[in-house]
Amino acid sequence: MREQGTMYPEKGHSIPWAIKVRMKKLTHLDDKMLVDRSKTVLKQTLWEQKGKGSLAILFLEPGAKIRRHEHTTDCEFYITWSTRKKFMKTEFCNKGEEHELENTSKKRWLWVLSVKFDVPEI
């Protein structure tokens, strides 16, 4: 999915669903298999439990890309948004499917709310 981003998150900036960005809790998504190291992808994990799933906000700098990858043990529901244009888009990637995410903007950061659910083997 290719999307135009929003502005870089300001300290304590409010975003939808009453989630606050805490700059001290942002980490660099530094997985060489997923992210091109010349661009920045930041992550704030809001909740994570082994065997259950996770909830996180990702921030992709202009031109940043999360490479195509397969979800082998989980499924992912994610929402991208632009606060300025009031634009939201939702996507779902089921277990066994693959996807990628790219910020095609030249000026704005892309904000992504990621919800992952672990899918047990039957």
N, C-alpha and C. Protein backbone atom coordinates (compact mmCIF):
# COMPACT_ATOMS: atom_id res chain seq x y z
N MET A 1 0.84 -1.16 0.00
CA MET A 1 0.00 0.00 0.00
C MET A 1 0.89 1.23 0.00
N ARG A 2 0.59 2.19 -0.82
CA ARG A 2 1.35 3.44 -0.88
C ARG A 2 0.46 4.57 -0.42
N GLU A 3 0.96 5.36 0.50
CA GLU A 3 0.16 6.45 1.06
C GLU A 3 1.01 7.69 1.24
N GLN A 4 0.37 8.85 1.19
CA GLN A 4 1.03 10.11 1.50
C GLN A 4 0.94 10.31 3.00
N GLY A 5 2.01 10.79 3.62
CA GLY A 5 2.09 10.88 5.06
C GLY A 5 1.62 12.20 5.66
N THR A 6 1.81 12.32 6.97
CA THR A 6 1.46 13.53 7.71
C THR A 6 2.74 14.12 8.29
N MET A 7 2.61 15.15 9.06
CA MET A 7 3.76 15.81 9.68
C MET A 7 4.39 14.88 10.72
N TYR A 8 5.66 15.10 11.01
CA TYR A 8 6.36 14.35 12.04
C TYR A 8 5.66 14.56 13.38
N PRO A 9 5.52 13.53 14.19
CA PRO A 9 4.80 13.68 15.46
C PRO A 9 5.51 14.63 16.42
N GLU A 10 4.81 15.62 16.89
CA GLU A 10 5.33 16.56 17.88
C GLU A 10 5.24 15.92 19.27
N LYS A 11 6.03 16.36 20.19
CA LYS A 11 6.02 15.83 21.55
C LYS A 11 4.64 16.03 22.17
N GLY A 12 4.02 14.94 22.63
CA GLY A 12 2.72 15.00 23.28
C GLY A 12 1.56 15.29 22.35
N HIS A 13 1.78 15.19 21.04
CA HIS A 13 0.73 15.50 20.06
C HIS A 13 -0.39 14.46 20.15
N SER A 14 -1.63 14.93 20.25
CA SER A 14 -2.77 14.02 20.33
C SER A 14 -3.10 13.47 18.97
N ILE A 15 -3.43 12.20 18.89
CA ILE A 15 -3.84 11.58 17.66
C ILE A 15 -5.13 10.81 17.93
N PRO A 16 -5.80 10.31 16.89
CA PRO A 16 -7.10 9.65 17.09
C PRO A 16 -7.08 8.57 18.19
N TRP A 17 -8.23 8.30 18.73
CA TRP A 17 -8.45 7.28 19.75
C TRP A 17 -7.77 7.62 21.07
N ALA A 18 -7.52 8.89 21.30
CA ALA A 18 -6.95 9.38 22.57
C ALA A 18 -5.61 8.73 22.90
N ILE A 19 -4.84 8.35 21.90
CA ILE A 19 -3.50 7.80 22.10
C ILE A 19 -2.52 8.97 22.05
N LYS A 20 -1.61 9.04 23.00
CA LYS A 20 -0.61 10.11 23.01
C LYS A 20 0.74 9.55 22.57
N VAL A 21 1.42 10.32 21.76
CA VAL A 21 2.76 9.93 21.33
C VAL A 21 3.73 10.36 22.42
N ARG A 22 4.46 9.44 22.96
CA ARG A 22 5.47 9.72 23.97
C ARG A 22 6.83 9.55 23.31
N MET A 23 7.50 10.67 23.05
CA MET A 23 8.74 10.64 22.29
C MET A 23 9.79 9.72 22.93
N LYS A 24 9.82 9.62 24.27
CA LYS A 24 10.80 8.78 24.93
C LYS A 24 10.56 7.30 24.68
N LYS A 25 9.32 6.93 24.33
CA LYS A 25 8.99 5.52 24.12
C LYS A 25 9.10 5.11 22.65
N LEU A 26 9.43 6.04 21.76
CA LEU A 26 9.59 5.70 20.35
C LEU A 26 10.90 4.95 20.16
N THR A 27 10.86 3.89 19.37
CA THR A 27 12.06 3.14 19.04
C THR A 27 12.19 3.08 17.52
N HIS A 28 13.40 2.91 17.05
CA HIS A 28 13.63 2.76 15.62
C HIS A 28 13.34 1.32 15.24
N LEU A 29 12.49 1.14 14.24
CA LEU A 29 12.27 -0.19 13.68
C LEU A 29 13.49 -0.45 12.82
N ASP A 30 14.37 -1.32 13.28
CA ASP A 30 15.70 -1.45 12.69
C ASP A 30 15.94 -2.83 12.09
N ASP A 31 14.88 -3.52 11.70
CA ASP A 31 14.99 -4.85 11.12
C ASP A 31 15.43 -4.71 9.66
N LYS A 32 16.65 -5.16 9.35
CA LYS A 32 17.20 -5.02 7.99
C LYS A 32 16.33 -5.72 6.95
N MET A 33 15.63 -6.77 7.34
CA MET A 33 14.78 -7.50 6.41
C MET A 33 13.53 -6.70 6.05
N LEU A 34 13.08 -5.80 6.96
CA LEU A 34 11.84 -5.06 6.76
C LEU A 34 12.03 -3.63 6.28
N VAL A 35 13.08 -2.95 6.76
CA VAL A 35 13.20 -1.52 6.54
C VAL A 35 14.49 -1.17 5.81
N ASP A 36 14.36 -0.27 4.82
CA ASP A 36 15.52 0.28 4.14
C ASP A 36 16.23 1.20 5.14
N ARG A 37 17.47 0.94 5.47
CA ARG A 37 18.18 1.66 6.53
C ARG A 37 18.43 3.13 6.21
N SER A 38 18.26 3.55 4.96
CA SER A 38 18.49 4.96 4.63
C SER A 38 17.32 5.85 5.06
N LYS A 39 16.20 5.26 5.44
CA LYS A 39 15.01 6.00 5.87
C LYS A 39 14.63 5.58 7.29
N THR A 40 13.91 6.46 7.98
CA THR A 40 13.55 6.20 9.37
C THR A 40 12.12 5.69 9.49
N VAL A 41 11.96 4.62 10.26
CA VAL A 41 10.65 4.13 10.67
C VAL A 41 10.69 4.04 12.19
N LEU A 42 9.80 4.79 12.84
CA LEU A 42 9.72 4.79 14.29
C LEU A 42 8.51 3.97 14.74
N LYS A 43 8.61 3.40 15.93
CA LYS A 43 7.53 2.56 16.44
C LYS A 43 7.30 2.87 17.92
N GLN A 44 6.03 2.98 18.28
CA GLN A 44 5.65 3.07 19.69
C GLN A 44 4.72 1.90 19.98
N THR A 45 5.20 0.94 20.77
CA THR A 45 4.38 -0.20 21.15
C THR A 45 3.46 0.22 22.29
N LEU A 46 2.17 0.04 22.08
CA LEU A 46 1.18 0.40 23.10
C LEU A 46 0.80 -0.79 23.96
N TRP A 47 0.80 -1.97 23.35
CA TRP A 47 0.47 -3.21 24.06
C TRP A 47 1.06 -4.37 23.27
N GLU A 48 1.59 -5.35 24.01
CA GLU A 48 2.13 -6.55 23.35
C GLU A 48 2.08 -7.69 24.36
N GLN A 49 1.57 -8.84 23.90
CA GLN A 49 1.52 -10.02 24.76
C GLN A 49 1.82 -11.23 23.90
N LYS A 50 2.83 -11.98 24.29
CA LYS A 50 3.24 -13.17 23.54
C LYS A 50 2.06 -14.14 23.44
N GLY A 51 1.84 -14.64 22.24
CA GLY A 51 0.76 -15.59 22.01
C GLY A 51 -0.60 -14.94 21.78
N LYS A 52 -0.68 -13.63 21.97
CA LYS A 52 -1.96 -12.92 21.80
C LYS A 52 -1.90 -11.93 20.64
N GLY A 53 -0.91 -11.02 20.65
CA GLY A 53 -0.80 -10.02 19.61
C GLY A 53 -0.16 -8.75 20.10
N SER A 54 -0.38 -7.66 19.34
CA SER A 54 0.22 -6.38 19.70
C SER A 54 -0.58 -5.22 19.11
N LEU A 55 -0.34 -4.05 19.68
CA LEU A 55 -0.92 -2.80 19.22
C LEU A 55 0.21 -1.79 19.20
N ALA A 56 0.44 -1.15 18.06
CA ALA A 56 1.57 -0.21 17.93
C ALA A 56 1.23 0.90 16.94
N ILE A 57 1.93 2.02 17.10
CA ILE A 57 1.86 3.09 16.12
C ILE A 57 3.21 3.14 15.42
N LEU A 58 3.19 3.18 14.10
CA LEU A 58 4.40 3.32 13.30
C LEU A 58 4.40 4.69 12.64
N PHE A 59 5.59 5.27 12.50
CA PHE A 59 5.76 6.55 11.83
C PHE A 59 6.80 6.34 10.73
N LEU A 60 6.42 6.51 9.48
CA LEU A 60 7.33 6.34 8.36
C LEU A 60 7.69 7.71 7.80
N GLU A 61 8.98 8.00 7.76
CA GLU A 61 9.43 9.27 7.20
C GLU A 61 9.15 9.29 5.70
N PRO A 62 9.10 10.47 5.07
CA PRO A 62 8.86 10.52 3.63
C PRO A 62 9.84 9.62 2.87
N GLY A 63 9.29 8.79 1.99
CA GLY A 63 10.10 7.86 1.20
C GLY A 63 10.41 6.55 1.89
N ALA A 64 10.05 6.41 3.16
CA ALA A 64 10.33 5.17 3.91
C ALA A 64 9.41 4.05 3.44
N LYS A 65 9.92 2.83 3.55
CA LYS A 65 9.17 1.67 3.10
C LYS A 65 9.40 0.50 4.03
N ILE A 66 8.32 -0.18 4.38
CA ILE A 66 8.43 -1.48 5.05
C ILE A 66 8.28 -2.50 3.94
N ARG A 67 9.33 -3.27 3.73
CA ARG A 67 9.39 -4.20 2.59
C ARG A 67 8.30 -5.28 2.68
N ARG A 68 8.03 -5.85 1.51
CA ARG A 68 7.05 -6.94 1.42
C ARG A 68 7.47 -8.07 2.36
N HIS A 69 6.51 -8.50 3.17
CA HIS A 69 6.77 -9.60 4.11
C HIS A 69 5.49 -10.40 4.29
N GLU A 70 5.66 -11.65 4.71
CA GLU A 70 4.52 -12.55 4.91
C GLU A 70 4.21 -12.68 6.40
N HIS A 71 2.93 -12.75 6.70
CA HIS A 71 2.49 -12.99 8.08
C HIS A 71 2.28 -14.50 8.23
N THR A 72 3.23 -15.16 8.86
CA THR A 72 3.20 -16.63 8.96
C THR A 72 2.49 -17.13 10.21
N THR A 73 2.48 -16.33 11.27
CA THR A 73 1.87 -16.78 12.53
C THR A 73 0.77 -15.84 13.02
N ASP A 74 0.59 -14.72 12.33
CA ASP A 74 -0.40 -13.74 12.78
C ASP A 74 -1.10 -13.07 11.60
N CYS A 75 -2.11 -12.29 11.92
CA CYS A 75 -2.75 -11.45 10.92
C CYS A 75 -2.61 -10.01 11.42
N GLU A 76 -2.71 -9.05 10.50
CA GLU A 76 -2.51 -7.66 10.87
C GLU A 76 -3.60 -6.79 10.25
N PHE A 77 -4.18 -5.97 11.08
CA PHE A 77 -5.15 -4.97 10.67
C PHE A 77 -4.46 -3.64 10.90
N TYR A 78 -4.41 -2.79 9.89
CA TYR A 78 -3.74 -1.51 10.11
C TYR A 78 -4.51 -0.36 9.46
N ILE A 79 -4.37 0.80 10.10
CA ILE A 79 -5.04 2.01 9.66
C ILE A 79 -3.97 3.06 9.39
N THR A 80 -4.00 3.66 8.22
CA THR A 80 -3.10 4.78 7.92
C THR A 80 -3.93 6.05 7.93
N TRP A 81 -3.33 7.14 8.38
CA TRP A 81 -4.10 8.38 8.37
C TRP A 81 -3.22 9.60 8.18
N SER A 82 -3.88 10.65 7.70
CA SER A 82 -3.28 11.96 7.55
C SER A 82 -4.16 12.92 8.33
N THR A 83 -3.63 13.54 9.36
CA THR A 83 -4.44 14.42 10.20
C THR A 83 -4.85 15.69 9.45
N ARG A 84 -4.02 16.16 8.56
CA ARG A 84 -4.33 17.39 7.84
C ARG A 84 -5.48 17.21 6.86
N LYS A 85 -5.46 16.13 6.13
CA LYS A 85 -6.49 15.90 5.12
C LYS A 85 -7.66 15.09 5.67
N LYS A 86 -7.58 14.71 6.94
CA LYS A 86 -8.60 13.88 7.57
C LYS A 86 -8.86 12.62 6.76
N PHE A 87 -7.78 12.01 6.30
CA PHE A 87 -7.83 10.83 5.46
C PHE A 87 -7.51 9.60 6.30
N MET A 88 -8.31 8.58 6.15
CA MET A 88 -8.03 7.31 6.82
C MET A 88 -8.24 6.17 5.83
N LYS A 89 -7.42 5.16 5.96
CA LYS A 89 -7.56 3.98 5.12
C LYS A 89 -7.25 2.76 5.97
N THR A 90 -8.06 1.72 5.85
CA THR A 90 -7.83 0.50 6.61
C THR A 90 -7.48 -0.64 5.66
N GLU A 91 -6.62 -1.52 6.12
CA GLU A 91 -6.21 -2.69 5.36
C GLU A 91 -6.14 -3.88 6.32
N PHE A 92 -6.28 -5.08 5.76
CA PHE A 92 -6.18 -6.30 6.56
C PHE A 92 -5.29 -7.29 5.82
N CYS A 93 -4.34 -7.87 6.53
CA CYS A 93 -3.46 -8.88 5.96
C CYS A 93 -3.64 -10.15 6.80
N ASN A 94 -4.22 -11.18 6.19
CA ASN A 94 -4.52 -12.42 6.88
C ASN A 94 -3.27 -13.29 7.02
N LYS A 95 -3.33 -14.24 7.92
CA LYS A 95 -2.24 -15.20 8.09
C LYS A 95 -1.99 -15.88 6.74
N GLY A 96 -0.70 -15.96 6.35
CA GLY A 96 -0.32 -16.57 5.09
C GLY A 96 -0.27 -15.59 3.93
N GLU A 97 -0.75 -14.38 4.12
CA GLU A 97 -0.69 -13.35 3.08
C GLU A 97 0.52 -12.46 3.31
N GLU A 98 0.84 -11.66 2.30
CA GLU A 98 1.96 -10.73 2.43
C GLU A 98 1.53 -9.33 2.02
N HIS A 99 2.28 -8.35 2.50
CA HIS A 99 2.00 -6.96 2.15
C HIS A 99 3.24 -6.12 2.38
N GLU A 100 3.19 -4.86 1.94
CA GLU A 100 4.25 -3.89 2.18
C GLU A 100 3.58 -2.54 2.45
N LEU A 101 4.35 -1.60 2.93
CA LEU A 101 3.82 -0.28 3.25
C LEU A 101 4.87 0.75 2.87
N GLU A 102 4.46 1.75 2.10
CA GLU A 102 5.39 2.77 1.62
C GLU A 102 4.79 4.16 1.78
N ASN A 103 5.59 5.09 2.27
CA ASN A 103 5.19 6.49 2.34
C ASN A 103 5.69 7.19 1.08
N THR A 104 4.79 7.55 0.18
CA THR A 104 5.18 8.16 -1.09
C THR A 104 5.28 9.69 -1.01
N SER A 105 4.99 10.25 0.15
CA SER A 105 5.07 11.70 0.31
C SER A 105 6.52 12.16 0.29
N LYS A 106 6.72 13.39 -0.15
CA LYS A 106 8.06 13.98 -0.12
C LYS A 106 8.26 14.85 1.11
N LYS A 107 7.17 15.21 1.82
CA LYS A 107 7.27 16.12 2.96
C LYS A 107 6.66 15.60 4.25
N ARG A 108 5.68 14.74 4.18
CA ARG A 108 4.92 14.37 5.37
C ARG A 108 5.21 12.94 5.82
N TRP A 109 5.22 12.75 7.14
CA TRP A 109 5.36 11.44 7.73
C TRP A 109 4.03 10.70 7.63
N LEU A 110 4.09 9.38 7.48
CA LEU A 110 2.91 8.54 7.45
C LEU A 110 2.71 7.92 8.83
N TRP A 111 1.51 8.00 9.37
CA TRP A 111 1.17 7.43 10.67
C TRP A 111 0.36 6.17 10.43
N VAL A 112 0.70 5.10 11.14
CA VAL A 112 0.03 3.81 10.96
C VAL A 112 -0.29 3.20 12.33
N LEU A 113 -1.55 2.85 12.54
CA LEU A 113 -1.94 2.10 13.74
C LEU A 113 -1.99 0.64 13.33
N SER A 114 -1.16 -0.19 13.95
CA SER A 114 -1.05 -1.61 13.62
C SER A 114 -1.60 -2.46 14.75
N VAL A 115 -2.53 -3.35 14.40
CA VAL A 115 -3.10 -4.29 15.37
C VAL A 115 -2.83 -5.70 14.84
N LYS A 116 -2.04 -6.46 15.59
CA LYS A 116 -1.71 -7.83 15.19
C LYS A 116 -2.36 -8.82 16.14
N PHE A 117 -2.88 -9.90 15.56
CA PHE A 117 -3.49 -10.98 16.33
C PHE A 117 -2.77 -12.27 15.99
N ASP A 118 -2.21 -12.96 16.99
CA ASP A 118 -1.61 -14.26 16.75
C ASP A 118 -2.70 -15.26 16.41
N VAL A 119 -2.45 -16.08 15.41
CA VAL A 119 -3.42 -17.08 14.96
C VAL A 119 -2.86 -18.45 15.29
N PRO A 120 -3.48 -19.18 16.22
CA PRO A 120 -2.96 -20.50 16.62
C PRO A 120 -3.16 -21.54 15.52
N GLU A 121 -2.28 -22.52 15.52
CA GLU A 121 -2.43 -23.66 14.59
C GLU A 121 -3.59 -24.52 15.04
N ILE A 122 -4.33 -25.04 14.08
CA ILE A 122 -5.48 -25.89 14.41
C ILE A 122 -5.16 -27.33 14.09
